[in-house]
Protein backbone atom coordinates (compact mmCIF):
# COMPACT_ATOMS: atom_id res chain seq x y z
CA MET A 1 -1.89 12.48 33.14
CA ASN A 2 -2.80 15.90 34.43
CA PRO A 3 -6.13 15.97 36.45
CA ALA A 4 -7.19 18.89 35.23
CA ALA A 5 -6.86 17.95 32.00
CA ASP A 6 -9.74 16.38 30.04
CA ALA A 7 -9.32 12.65 28.93
CA GLY A 8 -7.41 12.35 25.64
CA ASP A 9 -5.87 15.88 25.90
CA ARG A 10 -2.09 15.39 25.41
CA ARG A 11 -0.62 17.49 23.32
CA ILE A 12 -1.60 21.46 23.58
CA VAL A 13 -0.63 24.20 21.68
CA ALA A 14 -0.28 27.82 22.63
CA GLN A 15 0.42 30.68 20.19
CA GLY A 16 1.95 34.62 20.52
CA THR A 17 4.25 37.30 20.48
CA PHE A 18 6.03 36.84 23.69
CA ASP A 19 7.28 40.40 23.49
CA VAL A 20 8.76 41.32 27.10
CA VAL A 21 7.35 38.09 29.09
CA HIS A 22 5.74 38.78 31.91
CA PRO A 23 3.40 37.56 34.75
CA GLY A 24 0.17 37.17 32.79
CA HIS A 25 2.29 35.59 30.02
CA VAL A 26 3.11 33.06 32.57
CA HIS A 27 -0.27 32.68 33.83
CA TYR A 28 -1.65 32.29 30.16
CA LEU A 29 1.34 29.27 29.55
CA GLU A 30 1.06 27.73 33.10
CA GLU A 31 -3.03 27.73 32.52
CA ALA A 32 -2.64 26.13 28.99
CA ALA A 33 0.52 23.36 29.84
CA ALA A 34 -2.58 22.03 32.93
CA MET A 35 -4.67 21.08 29.75
CA GLY A 36 -2.97 18.09 28.88
CA GLU A 37 0.92 17.00 28.76
CA GLU A 38 3.25 18.82 26.84
CA LEU A 39 2.63 22.62 25.94
CA TYR A 40 3.86 23.21 22.41
CA VAL A 41 4.35 27.09 22.49
CA ILE A 42 4.05 28.95 18.75
CA VAL A 43 6.41 31.88 18.59
CA SER A 44 5.01 34.80 16.61
CA ARG A 45 7.14 35.97 13.57
CA SER A 46 7.95 40.11 13.75
CA SER A 47 6.61 40.14 10.45
CA ASN A 48 2.88 38.64 11.44
CA VAL A 49 2.63 40.62 14.28
CA ASP A 50 0.19 43.04 12.45
CA HIS A 51 -2.81 44.28 14.95
CA LYS A 52 -0.28 46.05 17.02
CA PRO A 53 3.16 47.38 17.04
CA ALA A 54 6.33 45.77 15.88
CA PRO A 55 7.81 43.64 18.48
CA ILE A 56 10.59 44.78 20.39
CA CYS A 57 12.47 41.80 20.76
CA ASP A 58 13.82 39.15 17.53
CA ALA A 59 11.46 36.21 16.89
CA ARG A 60 14.14 33.77 17.63
CA GLN A 61 14.94 35.87 21.18
CA ARG A 62 11.21 35.40 22.29
CA ARG A 63 11.04 31.93 21.28
CA ASP A 64 14.18 30.86 23.51
CA VAL A 65 12.61 33.41 26.71
CA VAL A 66 9.68 31.16 26.01
CA ALA A 67 11.02 28.09 25.65
CA ALA A 68 13.10 28.45 29.72
CA LEU A 69 9.89 28.86 30.79
CA GLU A 70 8.91 25.69 33.22
CA ALA A 71 5.87 25.00 31.30
CA VAL A 72 6.98 25.10 28.16
CA ASP A 73 7.91 22.06 26.84
CA GLU A 74 9.14 22.79 23.50
CA ALA A 75 8.53 26.75 21.74
CA ILE A 76 8.84 27.01 17.69
CA LEU A 77 8.28 30.25 15.32
CA GLY A 78 5.59 30.36 13.63
CA ASP A 79 5.41 30.07 9.57
CA GLU A 80 6.00 33.47 8.28
CA SER A 81 3.38 32.71 5.56
CA ASP A 82 0.79 30.49 7.16
CA ILE A 83 -0.24 30.73 11.26
CA PHE A 84 -2.17 27.59 10.57
CA VAL A 85 0.85 25.05 9.07
CA PRO A 86 2.64 24.64 12.70
CA ILE A 87 -0.44 23.52 14.01
CA GLU A 88 -0.94 21.55 11.02
CA GLU A 89 2.64 20.28 12.16
CA LEU A 90 1.96 19.32 15.70
CA GLU A 91 -1.57 18.31 15.50
CA PRO A 92 -2.26 19.48 18.87
CA ASP A 93 -5.63 18.00 20.86
CA VAL A 94 -6.63 21.16 22.31
CA ILE A 95 -4.85 25.14 21.03
CA VAL A 96 -5.31 27.30 23.87
CA LEU A 97 -6.17 31.10 23.05
CA GLY A 98 -4.90 33.42 25.64
CA HIS A 99 -7.35 35.26 27.25
CA ASP A 100 -6.92 38.99 25.07
CA GLN A 101 -5.56 37.78 21.89
CA HIS A 102 -6.94 39.32 19.00
CA HIS A 103 -8.28 35.74 17.53
CA GLU A 104 -11.40 35.50 17.02
CA ARG A 105 -12.49 31.20 18.36
CA SER A 106 -15.62 30.80 15.66
CA ALA A 107 -12.48 31.96 12.86
CA ILE A 108 -10.03 29.47 14.20
CA GLU A 109 -12.56 26.82 14.58
CA ALA A 110 -13.82 27.13 11.30
CA GLU A 111 -10.65 26.81 9.54
CA LEU A 112 -9.31 24.53 11.92
CA GLU A 113 -12.19 22.12 10.41
CA ARG A 114 -11.69 23.52 6.72
CA ARG A 115 -8.50 21.69 7.40
CA GLY A 116 -9.53 18.85 8.63
CA ILE A 117 -7.62 19.98 11.96
CA ASP A 118 -9.69 18.08 14.73
CA CYS A 119 -8.28 19.85 17.96
CA ALA A 120 -10.57 22.02 20.15
CA VAL A 121 -9.94 25.65 20.98
CA ARG A 122 -10.17 27.52 24.77
CA VAL A 123 -9.92 30.49 25.92
CA ALA A 124 -7.15 30.53 28.70
CA SER A 125 -8.85 33.05 32.10
CA GLY A 126 -7.24 36.32 32.91
CA ARG A 127 -5.49 37.39 35.62
CA GLU A 128 -5.58 40.65 37.20
CA PRO A 129 -2.06 42.08 39.06
CA ARG A 130 -1.46 40.69 42.29
CA TYR A 131 0.19 44.32 43.85
CA ASP A 132 0.30 47.93 43.14
CA GLY A 133 1.89 48.21 40.20
CA GLU A 134 2.74 44.93 39.09
CA LEU A 135 2.54 45.30 34.60
CA LEU A 136 0.42 42.65 32.99
CA SER A 137 0.98 43.94 29.48
CA THR A 138 3.78 44.67 27.51
CA ARG A 139 2.77 47.60 25.96
CA LEU A 140 2.10 48.80 29.47
CA ILE A 141 6.13 48.08 30.26
CA VAL A 142 7.14 49.85 27.12
CA ASP A 143 4.99 52.77 28.28
CA ARG A 144 6.36 52.51 31.75
CA ILE A 145 9.87 52.59 30.36
CA LEU A 146 9.18 55.28 27.72
CA ASP A 147 7.79 57.65 30.58
CA ARG A 148 10.57 56.93 33.08
CA ARG A 149 13.18 57.00 30.33
CA GLY A 150 12.25 60.33 29.40
CA GLU A 151 11.03 59.80 25.77
């Protein structure tokens, strides 16, 4: 078992949109993986992304890219109507939220309790750019592309 994990933390779940994967995503997933033995990542369906602009890449493509990351044991697509369905199916010991995700931790904990899902909720740390110009945000990457391509 990973020494950074708490006793009994075996199955870890992380989730997100992962549109245009960048070093911040990699940091989040590596930190989540270090909290247990198996990391499952739920990739949001485009129809569930309503808190920011729609993803550029198709959900299947985003899932495939995330699945290719070394820290990830398995990546799956989220449920289109109920974001908690994959969590019920995976039965994680821990759900790890990204440091800047829009989800409210207490609301997630309340819904987990309501559904009888016994798992902890943790928040991953953020990561600062390591050099000038390193982008850790899909929005910033898209903005740079639009700026440099003159649109």
